[in-house]
Every structure is written in C-alpha cells, then in structure tokens.
C-alpha cells in the first residue's frame, strides 16, 4: 500500500472512530440504529458474507451494546461491496472515499442510493432536493420541491 493510501486510510479511520452512534434524538449522535431487526440482521449478514468472500474489514463491524439495532461504523477495503450494498431495500446514501476521483465517480454511480458523497459526508446543497431510495427516507427534503409538497 502506498504511503499516501496509508495516510488517507489513517485519516479516515480517525474520523470514523469519532462518529457517535446512539440515540437519534440526541444532537451529538451522527448514526442511529438500523430501522428493524430484519435490516440489522441483513447488514450483519453482509458483513459476515463480505469477510467470508475475502473483503477486508479495516474498522468496525460489530453490534454496539445488547439492546437496539446499533452497528459500529465500518470501513471495508473495496471488494464486492457495491453488489452487496445494492441488495437491500434501504439505500439512503453512500459514501466513497478515495484519492482517485474517476474511480470514485464510477463507484458512486454503481451504488443505487438516494445520494452519493465523495470524500465527504452529510453535505447538501439547499437548492437541490434530497430523498432516499427504495424504502429509505421519508420523502423529499430541501429545495422548493419540498415546500410545494
């Protein structure tokens, strides 16, 4: 692994470790629980399947606590991640981190999600509508379109 890749992964790892998982109503929380036990089990199955198929888990992947459907933020080193991610009913957003912008765009287009962020997260342009995909989200947010509905 190149030094620049190692440094990017180290930086991403530090940022992901700082993510607060917990009560979705707490202003400090960045990531809440999964929507249901079915979705929780599906994600845990994808993680196990990815590991079995040779995907490298760099960070995370475990259940947090004994109650609720909380999962640690996870960093997979890209393998068959896109196919597995698209095989779910909940596809609110996808995040792609890489220094190769052409690769990032190709990967982001491959994901079927409400939005895709490249080398950032939770950024939104107020004039653009935002929505989930499949069974994620609660309708259109932001933009004049949301005000009309």
N, C-alpha and C. Protein backbone atom coordinates (compact mmCIF):
# COMPACT_ATOMS: atom_id res chain seq x y z
N UNK A 1 0.86 -1.18 0.00
CA UNK A 1 0.00 0.00 0.00
C UNK A 1 0.89 1.23 0.00
N UNK A 2 0.59 2.17 -0.87
CA UNK A 2 1.38 3.39 -0.97
C UNK A 2 1.25 4.22 0.30
N UNK A 3 2.26 5.03 0.56
CA UNK A 3 2.25 5.87 1.76
C UNK A 3 1.05 6.81 1.78
N UNK A 4 0.71 7.38 0.60
CA UNK A 4 -0.44 8.29 0.55
C UNK A 4 -1.74 7.55 0.85
N UNK A 5 -1.86 6.30 0.38
CA UNK A 5 -3.04 5.50 0.70
C UNK A 5 -3.10 5.20 2.18
N UNK A 6 -1.95 4.85 2.76
CA UNK A 6 -1.90 4.57 4.19
C UNK A 6 -2.30 5.79 5.00
N UNK A 7 -1.83 6.95 4.59
CA UNK A 7 -2.16 8.17 5.32
C UNK A 7 -3.62 8.53 5.16
N UNK A 8 -4.20 8.31 3.98
CA UNK A 8 -5.63 8.57 3.77
C UNK A 8 -6.47 7.62 4.61
N UNK A 9 -6.09 6.35 4.65
CA UNK A 9 -6.83 5.37 5.46
C UNK A 9 -6.70 5.71 6.93
N UNK A 10 -5.53 6.13 7.37
CA UNK A 10 -5.34 6.52 8.78
C UNK A 10 -6.23 7.71 9.13
N UNK A 11 -6.30 8.68 8.24
CA UNK A 11 -7.14 9.86 8.47
C UNK A 11 -8.62 9.47 8.51
N UNK A 12 -9.05 8.66 7.55
CA UNK A 12 -10.43 8.20 7.52
C UNK A 12 -10.76 7.40 8.77
N UNK A 13 -9.84 6.54 9.18
CA UNK A 13 -10.04 5.73 10.38
C UNK A 13 -10.26 6.60 11.60
N UNK A 14 -9.46 7.63 11.74
CA UNK A 14 -9.59 8.56 12.87
C UNK A 14 -10.97 9.23 12.85
N UNK A 15 -11.41 9.64 11.67
CA UNK A 15 -12.71 10.30 11.55
C UNK A 15 -13.86 9.34 11.86
N UNK A 16 -13.76 8.12 11.36
CA UNK A 16 -14.82 7.14 11.59
C UNK A 16 -14.88 6.74 13.06
N UNK A 17 -13.73 6.62 13.70
CA UNK A 17 -13.72 6.30 15.14
C UNK A 17 -14.40 7.39 15.97
N UNK A 18 -14.41 8.61 15.48
CA UNK A 18 -15.02 9.72 16.22
C UNK A 18 -16.54 9.80 16.04
N UNK A 19 -17.09 8.99 15.15
CA UNK A 19 -18.54 9.02 14.92
C UNK A 19 -19.27 8.54 16.16
N UNK A 20 -20.24 9.34 16.60
CA UNK A 20 -21.06 8.97 17.77
C UNK A 20 -22.28 8.22 17.28
N UNK A 21 -22.40 6.99 17.75
CA UNK A 21 -23.55 6.15 17.45
C UNK A 21 -24.43 6.13 18.69
N UNK A 22 -25.74 6.34 18.52
CA UNK A 22 -26.61 6.30 19.68
C UNK A 22 -28.00 6.81 19.40
N UNK A 23 -28.58 7.44 20.40
CA UNK A 23 -29.94 7.95 20.35
C UNK A 23 -30.09 8.94 19.19
N UNK A 24 -30.96 8.63 18.23
CA UNK A 24 -31.09 9.52 17.07
C UNK A 24 -31.66 10.90 17.41
N UNK A 25 -32.21 11.05 18.61
CA UNK A 25 -32.75 12.35 19.01
C UNK A 25 -31.73 13.21 19.74
N UNK A 26 -30.57 12.64 20.03
CA UNK A 26 -29.51 13.40 20.68
C UNK A 26 -28.77 14.23 19.63
N UNK A 27 -28.54 15.50 19.89
CA UNK A 27 -27.85 16.34 18.90
C UNK A 27 -26.40 15.90 18.65
N UNK A 28 -25.82 15.13 19.55
CA UNK A 28 -24.44 14.66 19.37
C UNK A 28 -24.36 13.40 18.50
N UNK A 29 -25.47 12.74 18.29
CA UNK A 29 -25.48 11.48 17.55
C UNK A 29 -25.37 11.73 16.06
N UNK A 30 -24.50 10.96 15.41
CA UNK A 30 -24.35 11.04 13.96
C UNK A 30 -25.05 9.86 13.30
N UNK A 31 -25.02 8.70 13.96
CA UNK A 31 -25.60 7.48 13.39
C UNK A 31 -26.49 6.82 14.42
N UNK A 32 -27.74 6.62 14.06
CA UNK A 32 -28.69 5.95 14.95
C UNK A 32 -28.74 4.46 14.66
N UNK A 33 -29.77 3.79 15.17
CA UNK A 33 -29.90 2.34 14.97
C UNK A 33 -30.44 2.02 13.58
N UNK A 34 -30.36 0.75 13.22
CA UNK A 34 -30.99 0.28 11.99
C UNK A 34 -32.50 0.31 12.19
N UNK A 35 -33.24 0.32 11.11
CA UNK A 35 -34.69 0.52 11.16
C UNK A 35 -35.44 -0.66 11.77
N UNK A 36 -34.89 -1.86 11.70
CA UNK A 36 -35.58 -3.05 12.21
C UNK A 36 -34.57 -4.16 12.46
N UNK A 37 -35.02 -5.20 13.16
CA UNK A 37 -34.17 -6.36 13.38
C UNK A 37 -33.83 -7.02 12.04
N UNK A 38 -34.81 -7.04 11.13
CA UNK A 38 -34.56 -7.63 9.81
C UNK A 38 -33.42 -6.91 9.11
N UNK A 39 -33.43 -5.59 9.12
CA UNK A 39 -32.36 -4.83 8.48
C UNK A 39 -31.04 -5.01 9.21
N UNK A 40 -31.09 -5.03 10.54
CA UNK A 40 -29.89 -5.25 11.35
C UNK A 40 -29.25 -6.60 10.97
N UNK A 41 -30.06 -7.65 10.95
CA UNK A 41 -29.55 -8.99 10.62
C UNK A 41 -29.03 -9.04 9.19
N UNK A 42 -29.70 -8.34 8.27
CA UNK A 42 -29.25 -8.31 6.88
C UNK A 42 -27.86 -7.67 6.79
N UNK A 43 -27.67 -6.55 7.47
CA UNK A 43 -26.37 -5.87 7.44
C UNK A 43 -25.29 -6.74 8.07
N UNK A 44 -25.60 -7.34 9.22
CA UNK A 44 -24.62 -8.22 9.86
C UNK A 44 -24.27 -9.40 8.95
N UNK A 45 -25.28 -9.90 8.22
CA UNK A 45 -25.05 -10.97 7.25
C UNK A 45 -24.15 -10.52 6.11
N UNK A 46 -24.35 -9.29 5.62
CA UNK A 46 -23.49 -8.76 4.56
C UNK A 46 -22.05 -8.64 5.05
N UNK A 47 -21.90 -8.19 6.27
CA UNK A 47 -20.55 -8.05 6.84
C UNK A 47 -19.88 -9.42 6.90
N UNK A 48 -20.60 -10.42 7.43
CA UNK A 48 -20.05 -11.78 7.54
C UNK A 48 -19.76 -12.35 6.15
N UNK A 49 -20.68 -12.14 5.22
CA UNK A 49 -20.50 -12.64 3.86
C UNK A 49 -19.30 -11.99 3.19
N UNK A 50 -19.18 -10.69 3.37
CA UNK A 50 -18.03 -9.98 2.80
C UNK A 50 -16.72 -10.50 3.33
N UNK A 51 -16.67 -10.74 4.63
CA UNK A 51 -15.44 -11.27 5.23
C UNK A 51 -15.16 -12.67 4.70
N UNK A 52 -16.21 -13.49 4.59
CA UNK A 52 -16.05 -14.85 4.08
C UNK A 52 -15.54 -14.84 2.64
N UNK A 53 -16.01 -13.85 1.86
CA UNK A 53 -15.61 -13.75 0.46
C UNK A 53 -14.29 -13.02 0.26
N UNK A 54 -13.63 -12.65 1.35
CA UNK A 54 -12.31 -12.06 1.24
C UNK A 54 -12.22 -10.56 1.39
N UNK A 55 -13.35 -9.88 1.62
CA UNK A 55 -13.30 -8.44 1.84
C UNK A 55 -12.57 -8.16 3.16
N UNK A 56 -11.82 -7.12 3.17
CA UNK A 56 -11.06 -6.77 4.37
C UNK A 56 -11.81 -5.72 5.17
N UNK A 57 -12.15 -6.07 6.42
CA UNK A 57 -12.75 -5.09 7.33
C UNK A 57 -11.60 -4.38 8.01
N UNK A 58 -11.49 -3.10 7.75
CA UNK A 58 -10.42 -2.31 8.35
C UNK A 58 -10.80 -1.82 9.74
N UNK A 59 -12.09 -1.54 9.94
CA UNK A 59 -12.55 -0.99 11.21
C UNK A 59 -14.03 -1.30 11.37
N UNK A 60 -14.44 -1.57 12.59
CA UNK A 60 -15.86 -1.70 12.90
C UNK A 60 -16.42 -3.07 12.58
N UNK A 61 -17.72 -3.12 12.42
CA UNK A 61 -18.49 -4.29 12.00
C UNK A 61 -19.23 -5.00 13.12
N UNK A 62 -19.12 -4.57 14.34
CA UNK A 62 -19.74 -5.27 15.47
C UNK A 62 -21.02 -4.55 15.92
N UNK A 63 -21.88 -5.32 16.59
CA UNK A 63 -23.05 -4.73 17.23
C UNK A 63 -22.58 -3.91 18.42
N UNK A 64 -23.24 -2.79 18.65
CA UNK A 64 -22.93 -1.95 19.81
C UNK A 64 -23.98 -2.22 20.87
N UNK A 65 -23.55 -2.64 22.04
CA UNK A 65 -24.48 -2.91 23.13
C UNK A 65 -25.27 -4.18 22.90
N UNK A 66 -26.19 -4.43 23.80
CA UNK A 66 -27.01 -5.64 23.72
C UNK A 66 -28.44 -5.35 23.31
N UNK A 67 -28.84 -4.09 23.37
CA UNK A 67 -30.21 -3.72 23.02
C UNK A 67 -30.19 -2.77 21.83
N UNK A 68 -31.21 -2.87 21.01
CA UNK A 68 -31.29 -1.99 19.85
C UNK A 68 -30.53 -2.57 18.68
N UNK A 69 -30.59 -1.87 17.57
CA UNK A 69 -30.00 -2.36 16.33
C UNK A 69 -28.84 -1.47 15.90
N UNK A 70 -27.94 -1.24 16.83
CA UNK A 70 -26.80 -0.36 16.58
C UNK A 70 -25.62 -1.17 16.05
N UNK A 71 -24.98 -0.65 15.02
CA UNK A 71 -23.80 -1.30 14.42
C UNK A 71 -22.69 -0.27 14.35
N UNK A 72 -21.49 -0.71 14.70
CA UNK A 72 -20.33 0.19 14.59
C UNK A 72 -20.18 0.66 13.15
N UNK A 73 -19.78 1.90 12.95
CA UNK A 73 -19.42 2.32 11.59
C UNK A 73 -18.32 1.39 11.09
N UNK A 74 -18.35 1.10 9.83
CA UNK A 74 -17.43 0.10 9.27
C UNK A 74 -16.67 0.68 8.09
N UNK A 75 -15.43 0.29 7.99
CA UNK A 75 -14.63 0.60 6.81
C UNK A 75 -14.25 -0.73 6.17
N UNK A 76 -14.78 -0.97 4.98
CA UNK A 76 -14.38 -2.11 4.17
C UNK A 76 -13.36 -1.62 3.16
N UNK A 77 -12.38 -2.39 2.92
CA UNK A 77 -11.50 -2.11 1.79
C UNK A 77 -12.22 -2.73 0.59
N UNK A 78 -12.45 -1.93 -0.45
CA UNK A 78 -13.34 -2.28 -1.54
C UNK A 78 -13.12 -3.69 -2.07
N UNK A 79 -14.18 -4.42 -2.15
CA UNK A 79 -14.20 -5.76 -2.72
C UNK A 79 -15.52 -5.84 -3.47
N UNK A 80 -16.37 -6.74 -3.10
CA UNK A 80 -17.67 -6.84 -3.77
C UNK A 80 -18.71 -6.03 -3.01
N UNK A 81 -18.31 -4.89 -2.52
CA UNK A 81 -19.15 -4.06 -1.67
C UNK A 81 -20.37 -3.53 -2.41
N UNK A 82 -20.20 -3.08 -3.64
CA UNK A 82 -21.30 -2.45 -4.38
C UNK A 82 -22.46 -3.43 -4.56
N UNK A 83 -22.16 -4.62 -5.01
CA UNK A 83 -23.20 -5.62 -5.24
C UNK A 83 -23.97 -5.91 -3.95
N UNK A 84 -23.26 -6.06 -2.86
CA UNK A 84 -23.91 -6.34 -1.58
C UNK A 84 -24.73 -5.15 -1.10
N UNK A 85 -24.21 -3.95 -1.27
CA UNK A 85 -24.94 -2.76 -0.82
C UNK A 85 -26.22 -2.55 -1.61
N UNK A 86 -26.21 -2.89 -2.89
CA UNK A 86 -27.39 -2.71 -3.72
C UNK A 86 -28.44 -3.79 -3.49
N UNK A 87 -28.11 -4.80 -2.72
CA UNK A 87 -29.03 -5.90 -2.45
C UNK A 87 -29.77 -5.69 -1.13
N UNK A 88 -30.30 -4.49 -0.95
CA UNK A 88 -31.07 -4.16 0.25
C UNK A 88 -32.17 -3.17 -0.11
N UNK A 89 -33.19 -3.10 0.71
CA UNK A 89 -34.30 -2.18 0.46
C UNK A 89 -34.04 -0.78 0.99
N UNK A 90 -33.02 -0.62 1.82
CA UNK A 90 -32.74 0.67 2.44
C UNK A 90 -31.44 1.22 1.89
N UNK A 91 -31.54 2.26 1.05
CA UNK A 91 -30.36 2.82 0.40
C UNK A 91 -30.42 4.33 0.44
N UNK A 92 -30.34 4.88 1.62
CA UNK A 92 -30.45 6.32 1.78
C UNK A 92 -29.28 7.05 1.13
N UNK A 93 -28.07 6.63 1.44
CA UNK A 93 -26.89 7.33 0.93
C UNK A 93 -25.70 6.39 0.88
N UNK A 94 -24.73 6.78 0.08
CA UNK A 94 -23.48 6.03 0.02
C UNK A 94 -22.33 7.02 0.10
N UNK A 95 -21.24 6.59 0.71
CA UNK A 95 -20.05 7.43 0.83
C UNK A 95 -18.88 6.69 0.20
N UNK A 96 -18.14 7.38 -0.66
CA UNK A 96 -16.97 6.80 -1.31
C UNK A 96 -15.77 7.67 -0.98
N UNK A 97 -14.73 7.06 -0.43
CA UNK A 97 -13.51 7.79 -0.10
C UNK A 97 -12.35 7.20 -0.89
N UNK A 98 -11.73 8.02 -1.72
CA UNK A 98 -10.56 7.61 -2.48
C UNK A 98 -9.91 8.86 -3.06
N UNK A 99 -8.61 8.77 -3.34
CA UNK A 99 -7.95 9.91 -3.97
C UNK A 99 -8.12 9.88 -5.50
N UNK A 100 -8.59 8.75 -6.04
CA UNK A 100 -8.80 8.61 -7.48
C UNK A 100 -10.24 9.04 -7.81
N UNK A 101 -10.41 10.27 -8.26
CA UNK A 101 -11.75 10.82 -8.47
C UNK A 101 -12.51 10.09 -9.57
N UNK A 102 -11.83 9.64 -10.61
CA UNK A 102 -12.52 8.88 -11.66
C UNK A 102 -13.08 7.58 -11.10
N UNK A 103 -12.30 6.91 -10.28
CA UNK A 103 -12.75 5.68 -9.63
C UNK A 103 -13.92 5.97 -8.70
N UNK A 104 -13.83 7.05 -7.95
CA UNK A 104 -14.90 7.43 -7.02
C UNK A 104 -16.21 7.65 -7.77
N UNK A 105 -16.15 8.33 -8.89
CA UNK A 105 -17.36 8.60 -9.68
C UNK A 105 -17.93 7.30 -10.23
N UNK A 106 -17.07 6.42 -10.75
CA UNK A 106 -17.54 5.12 -11.24
C UNK A 106 -18.24 4.34 -10.13
N UNK A 107 -17.61 4.29 -8.97
CA UNK A 107 -18.17 3.54 -7.84
C UNK A 107 -19.47 4.18 -7.37
N UNK A 108 -19.49 5.50 -7.23
CA UNK A 108 -20.70 6.19 -6.77
C UNK A 108 -21.86 5.94 -7.72
N UNK A 109 -21.60 5.92 -9.02
CA UNK A 109 -22.66 5.65 -9.99
C UNK A 109 -23.15 4.21 -9.89
N UNK A 110 -22.29 3.31 -9.46
CA UNK A 110 -22.68 1.90 -9.35
C UNK A 110 -23.62 1.66 -8.17
N UNK A 111 -23.49 2.46 -7.12
CA UNK A 111 -24.39 2.33 -5.97
C UNK A 111 -25.76 2.86 -6.34
N UNK A 112 -26.81 2.16 -5.93
CA UNK A 112 -28.18 2.62 -6.13
C UNK A 112 -28.65 3.19 -4.79
N UNK A 113 -28.47 4.49 -4.62
CA UNK A 113 -28.79 5.14 -3.35
C UNK A 113 -29.42 6.50 -3.60
N UNK A 114 -30.05 7.05 -2.57
CA UNK A 114 -30.68 8.36 -2.69
C UNK A 114 -29.69 9.46 -3.02
N UNK A 115 -28.50 9.37 -2.46
CA UNK A 115 -27.45 10.35 -2.75
C UNK A 115 -26.10 9.67 -2.58
N UNK A 116 -25.10 10.25 -3.17
CA UNK A 116 -23.74 9.73 -3.02
C UNK A 116 -22.82 10.89 -2.68
N UNK A 117 -21.98 10.68 -1.69
CA UNK A 117 -20.97 11.67 -1.32
C UNK A 117 -19.61 11.10 -1.65
N UNK A 118 -18.74 11.95 -2.17
CA UNK A 118 -17.38 11.53 -2.49
C UNK A 118 -16.43 12.34 -1.62
N UNK A 119 -15.65 11.63 -0.83
CA UNK A 119 -14.65 12.22 0.07
C UNK A 119 -15.23 13.22 1.06
N UNK A 120 -16.48 13.03 1.43
CA UNK A 120 -17.13 13.86 2.45
C UNK A 120 -18.39 13.12 2.88
N UNK A 121 -19.12 13.70 3.81
CA UNK A 121 -20.41 13.13 4.18
C UNK A 121 -21.33 14.22 4.68
N UNK A 122 -22.61 13.97 4.52
CA UNK A 122 -23.63 14.86 5.05
C UNK A 122 -23.56 16.28 4.51
N UNK A 123 -23.05 16.45 3.31
CA UNK A 123 -23.03 17.76 2.66
C UNK A 123 -24.27 17.86 1.78
N UNK A 124 -24.92 19.00 1.78
CA UNK A 124 -26.12 19.16 0.97
C UNK A 124 -26.20 20.57 0.42
N UNK A 125 -26.65 20.67 -0.79
CA UNK A 125 -26.93 21.96 -1.42
C UNK A 125 -28.41 22.23 -1.21
N UNK A 126 -28.74 23.29 -0.52
CA UNK A 126 -30.12 23.59 -0.13
C UNK A 126 -31.07 23.70 -1.32
N UNK A 127 -30.55 24.04 -2.49
CA UNK A 127 -31.42 24.20 -3.66
C UNK A 127 -31.70 22.88 -4.37
N UNK A 128 -31.04 21.81 -3.94
CA UNK A 128 -31.22 20.51 -4.57
C UNK A 128 -32.10 19.62 -3.70
N UNK A 129 -33.10 18.94 -4.29
CA UNK A 129 -33.92 18.04 -3.48
C UNK A 129 -33.08 16.84 -3.02
N UNK A 130 -33.42 16.34 -1.86
CA UNK A 130 -32.75 15.16 -1.31
C UNK A 130 -33.84 14.16 -1.00
N UNK A 131 -33.61 12.93 -1.33
CA UNK A 131 -34.57 11.89 -0.99
C UNK A 131 -33.84 10.57 -0.79
N UNK A 132 -34.51 9.67 -0.15
CA UNK A 132 -33.98 8.32 -0.01
C UNK A 132 -34.23 7.53 -1.28
N UNK A 133 -33.91 6.27 -1.25
CA UNK A 133 -34.08 5.39 -2.38
C UNK A 133 -34.66 4.10 -1.85
N UNK A 134 -35.53 3.48 -2.59
CA UNK A 134 -36.22 2.27 -2.15
C UNK A 134 -37.03 2.61 -0.90
N UNK A 135 -36.82 1.90 0.21
CA UNK A 135 -37.63 2.12 1.41
C UNK A 135 -36.96 3.05 2.42
N UNK A 136 -35.97 3.80 2.02
CA UNK A 136 -35.30 4.70 2.96
C UNK A 136 -35.82 6.12 2.79
N UNK A 137 -35.64 6.92 3.81
CA UNK A 137 -36.06 8.31 3.77
C UNK A 137 -37.55 8.46 4.05
N UNK A 138 -38.01 9.71 4.11
CA UNK A 138 -39.42 9.98 4.40
C UNK A 138 -40.02 10.93 3.38
N UNK A 139 -39.48 10.95 2.18
CA UNK A 139 -39.96 11.86 1.15
C UNK A 139 -38.87 12.84 0.77
N UNK A 140 -39.25 13.84 0.02
CA UNK A 140 -38.26 14.82 -0.44
C UNK A 140 -38.01 15.86 0.64
N UNK A 141 -36.76 16.18 0.83
CA UNK A 141 -36.33 17.23 1.74
C UNK A 141 -35.61 18.29 0.93
N UNK A 142 -35.51 19.47 1.51
CA UNK A 142 -34.77 20.59 0.92
C UNK A 142 -35.45 21.09 -0.36
N UNK A 143 -34.98 22.13 -0.91
CA UNK A 143 -35.39 22.74 -2.18
C UNK A 143 -36.83 23.24 -2.17
N UNK A 144 -37.19 23.94 -3.22
CA UNK A 144 -38.55 24.43 -3.38
C UNK A 144 -39.54 23.28 -3.51
N UNK A 145 -39.09 22.16 -4.07
CA UNK A 145 -39.96 20.99 -4.25
C UNK A 145 -40.53 20.54 -2.91
N UNK A 146 -39.72 20.50 -1.88
CA UNK A 146 -40.18 20.08 -0.55
C UNK A 146 -41.22 21.04 0.00
N UNK A 147 -41.07 22.33 -0.27
CA UNK A 147 -42.04 23.31 0.21
C UNK A 147 -43.38 23.16 -0.48
N UNK A 148 -43.35 22.77 -1.75
CA UNK A 148 -44.58 22.60 -2.51
C UNK A 148 -45.38 21.40 -2.04
N UNK A 149 -44.73 20.43 -1.49
CA UNK A 149 -45.41 19.20 -1.05
C UNK A 149 -45.74 19.33 0.37
